Amino acid sequence: MRIDLDEAIVIYARMLGSLLGSAGAAKAAQDKANHLRAKGDWSGVKVWEAVAARVTELREASCNSLAP
């Protein structure tokens, strides 16, 4: 079974959300991106910023599904 990058981003976003809650997950992913930015790992920055964005999208989707 192969997992592409987009699927991995969703998996990490959901995992972090489950472990840290949505606000903590977005912060953890952005912190990781900042750490990688300081090291000059631009491809890593791109991926972890995508994880942070996906966490936010999942949180918004969850909030919208709970609205009356």
N, C-alpha and C. Protein backbone atom coordinates (compact mmCIF):
# COMPACT_ATOMS: atom_id res chain seq x y z
N MET A 1 0.85 -1.18 0.00
CA MET A 1 0.00 0.00 0.00
C MET A 1 0.90 1.24 0.00
N ARG A 2 0.68 2.11 -0.96
CA ARG A 2 1.43 3.36 -1.04
C ARG A 2 0.54 4.51 -0.57
N ILE A 3 1.15 5.39 0.19
CA ILE A 3 0.44 6.57 0.66
C ILE A 3 1.12 7.77 0.02
N ASP A 4 0.33 8.58 -0.69
CA ASP A 4 0.94 9.76 -1.31
C ASP A 4 1.03 10.90 -0.29
N LEU A 5 1.67 11.97 -0.68
CA LEU A 5 1.93 13.07 0.23
C LEU A 5 0.65 13.70 0.77
N ASP A 6 -0.34 13.88 -0.07
CA ASP A 6 -1.61 14.48 0.38
C ASP A 6 -2.28 13.60 1.43
N GLU A 7 -2.25 12.30 1.24
CA GLU A 7 -2.83 11.39 2.23
C GLU A 7 -2.04 11.44 3.54
N ALA A 8 -0.73 11.51 3.45
CA ALA A 8 0.11 11.60 4.65
C ALA A 8 -0.18 12.88 5.42
N ILE A 9 -0.40 13.97 4.72
CA ILE A 9 -0.72 15.24 5.36
C ILE A 9 -2.02 15.12 6.15
N VAL A 10 -3.02 14.49 5.55
CA VAL A 10 -4.30 14.29 6.25
C VAL A 10 -4.11 13.39 7.46
N ILE A 11 -3.34 12.32 7.31
CA ILE A 11 -3.10 11.39 8.43
C ILE A 11 -2.43 12.13 9.59
N TYR A 12 -1.39 12.90 9.30
CA TYR A 12 -0.70 13.64 10.36
C TYR A 12 -1.62 14.69 10.98
N ALA A 13 -2.41 15.37 10.18
CA ALA A 13 -3.32 16.38 10.72
C ALA A 13 -4.33 15.74 11.67
N ARG A 14 -4.89 14.62 11.27
CA ARG A 14 -5.86 13.94 12.14
C ARG A 14 -5.21 13.40 13.40
N MET A 15 -4.01 12.84 13.26
CA MET A 15 -3.30 12.30 14.42
C MET A 15 -2.98 13.40 15.42
N LEU A 16 -2.42 14.52 14.92
CA LEU A 16 -2.11 15.62 15.82
C LEU A 16 -3.37 16.18 16.47
N GLY A 17 -4.45 16.29 15.70
CA GLY A 17 -5.71 16.77 16.24
C GLY A 17 -6.23 15.88 17.36
N SER A 18 -6.08 14.58 17.19
CA SER A 18 -6.53 13.63 18.21
C SER A 18 -5.68 13.72 19.48
N LEU A 19 -4.39 13.92 19.29
CA LEU A 19 -3.49 13.97 20.44
C LEU A 19 -3.50 15.31 21.16
N LEU A 20 -3.58 16.40 20.39
CA LEU A 20 -3.36 17.73 20.97
C LEU A 20 -4.56 18.66 20.90
N GLY A 21 -5.64 18.22 20.26
CA GLY A 21 -6.76 19.12 20.01
C GLY A 21 -6.42 19.99 18.82
N SER A 22 -7.41 20.61 18.23
CA SER A 22 -7.17 21.31 16.97
C SER A 22 -6.24 22.51 17.13
N ALA A 23 -6.39 23.29 18.20
CA ALA A 23 -5.52 24.46 18.38
C ALA A 23 -4.08 24.02 18.64
N GLY A 24 -3.92 23.02 19.49
CA GLY A 24 -2.58 22.51 19.78
C GLY A 24 -1.93 21.86 18.58
N ALA A 25 -2.74 21.19 17.78
CA ALA A 25 -2.22 20.52 16.58
C ALA A 25 -1.72 21.53 15.56
N ALA A 26 -2.49 22.58 15.33
CA ALA A 26 -2.06 23.61 14.38
C ALA A 26 -0.78 24.27 14.86
N LYS A 27 -0.69 24.54 16.16
CA LYS A 27 0.51 25.17 16.71
C LYS A 27 1.71 24.24 16.60
N ALA A 28 1.51 22.96 16.90
CA ALA A 28 2.62 22.00 16.82
C ALA A 28 3.13 21.88 15.38
N ALA A 29 2.23 21.83 14.43
CA ALA A 29 2.64 21.73 13.02
C ALA A 29 3.36 22.99 12.57
N GLN A 30 2.87 24.15 13.00
CA GLN A 30 3.53 25.40 12.63
C GLN A 30 4.89 25.53 13.32
N ASP A 31 4.98 25.07 14.57
CA ASP A 31 6.27 25.07 15.27
C ASP A 31 7.28 24.20 14.55
N LYS A 32 6.84 23.04 14.07
CA LYS A 32 7.73 22.15 13.31
C LYS A 32 8.18 22.83 12.02
N ALA A 33 7.26 23.50 11.34
CA ALA A 33 7.61 24.22 10.12
C ALA A 33 8.63 25.31 10.41
N ASN A 34 8.46 26.03 11.50
CA ASN A 34 9.40 27.08 11.88
C ASN A 34 10.78 26.51 12.20
N HIS A 35 10.81 25.38 12.88
CA HIS A 35 12.07 24.71 13.20
C HIS A 35 12.80 24.32 11.90
N LEU A 36 12.06 23.75 10.97
CA LEU A 36 12.66 23.35 9.70
C LEU A 36 13.10 24.55 8.87
N ARG A 37 12.34 25.65 8.96
CA ARG A 37 12.71 26.88 8.26
C ARG A 37 14.07 27.38 8.76
N ALA A 38 14.26 27.33 10.06
CA ALA A 38 15.53 27.78 10.65
C ALA A 38 16.70 26.92 10.18
N LYS A 39 16.41 25.65 9.86
CA LYS A 39 17.45 24.75 9.37
C LYS A 39 17.60 24.80 7.85
N GLY A 40 16.74 25.55 7.18
CA GLY A 40 16.82 25.66 5.72
C GLY A 40 16.17 24.52 4.96
N ASP A 41 15.31 23.75 5.62
CA ASP A 41 14.62 22.62 4.97
C ASP A 41 13.30 23.10 4.39
N TRP A 42 13.36 23.68 3.20
CA TRP A 42 12.19 24.32 2.62
C TRP A 42 11.11 23.32 2.20
N SER A 43 11.48 22.13 1.78
CA SER A 43 10.45 21.14 1.43
C SER A 43 9.72 20.68 2.70
N GLY A 44 10.45 20.56 3.80
CA GLY A 44 9.82 20.21 5.08
C GLY A 44 8.88 21.31 5.55
N VAL A 45 9.29 22.56 5.37
CA VAL A 45 8.44 23.70 5.73
C VAL A 45 7.12 23.62 4.97
N LYS A 46 7.21 23.38 3.68
CA LYS A 46 6.01 23.31 2.84
C LYS A 46 5.05 22.22 3.34
N VAL A 47 5.58 21.06 3.67
CA VAL A 47 4.75 19.95 4.13
C VAL A 47 4.10 20.27 5.47
N TRP A 48 4.88 20.76 6.43
CA TRP A 48 4.32 21.02 7.76
C TRP A 48 3.36 22.20 7.76
N GLU A 49 3.57 23.16 6.88
CA GLU A 49 2.57 24.23 6.76
C GLU A 49 1.28 23.68 6.15
N ALA A 50 1.40 22.71 5.27
CA ALA A 50 0.20 22.05 4.72
C ALA A 50 -0.52 21.26 5.80
N VAL A 51 0.22 20.63 6.70
CA VAL A 51 -0.40 19.91 7.83
C VAL A 51 -1.16 20.90 8.70
N ALA A 52 -0.54 22.04 9.03
CA ALA A 52 -1.20 23.06 9.85
C ALA A 52 -2.47 23.56 9.17
N ALA A 53 -2.41 23.80 7.87
CA ALA A 53 -3.59 24.26 7.14
C ALA A 53 -4.69 23.20 7.14
N ARG A 54 -4.30 21.95 7.01
CA ARG A 54 -5.29 20.86 6.99
C ARG A 54 -5.95 20.70 8.36
N VAL A 55 -5.19 20.89 9.43
CA VAL A 55 -5.76 20.86 10.78
C VAL A 55 -6.86 21.92 10.89
N THR A 56 -6.56 23.12 10.40
CA THR A 56 -7.53 24.21 10.44
C THR A 56 -8.76 23.87 9.60
N GLU A 57 -8.55 23.31 8.42
CA GLU A 57 -9.69 22.91 7.57
C GLU A 57 -10.55 21.86 8.25
N LEU A 58 -9.91 20.88 8.88
CA LEU A 58 -10.66 19.84 9.58
C LEU A 58 -11.45 20.42 10.75
N ARG A 59 -10.85 21.37 11.47
CA ARG A 59 -11.53 22.02 12.60
C ARG A 59 -12.75 22.79 12.10
N GLU A 60 -12.58 23.55 11.02
CA GLU A 60 -13.70 24.32 10.47
C GLU A 60 -14.81 23.41 9.95
N ALA A 61 -14.43 22.32 9.31
CA ALA A 61 -15.42 21.36 8.81
C ALA A 61 -16.19 20.75 9.98
N SER A 62 -15.49 20.47 11.07
CA SER A 62 -16.12 19.89 12.24
C SER A 62 -17.08 20.89 12.88
N CYS A 63 -16.68 22.14 12.95
CA CYS A 63 -17.55 23.19 13.52
C CYS A 63 -18.79 23.40 12.67
N ASN A 64 -18.60 23.37 11.35
CA ASN A 64 -19.74 23.57 10.45
C ASN A 64 -20.72 22.41 10.51
N SER A 65 -20.23 21.20 10.77
CA SER A 65 -21.13 20.06 10.84
C SER A 65 -21.93 20.06 12.13
N LEU A 66 -21.45 20.79 13.15
CA LEU A 66 -22.17 20.88 14.42
C LEU A 66 -23.16 22.03 14.45
N ALA A 67 -23.08 22.93 13.50
CA ALA A 67 -23.99 24.08 13.48
C ALA A 67 -25.43 23.61 13.21
N PRO A 68 -26.39 24.30 13.84
CA PRO A 68 -27.80 23.89 13.64
C PRO A 68 -28.32 24.16 12.25
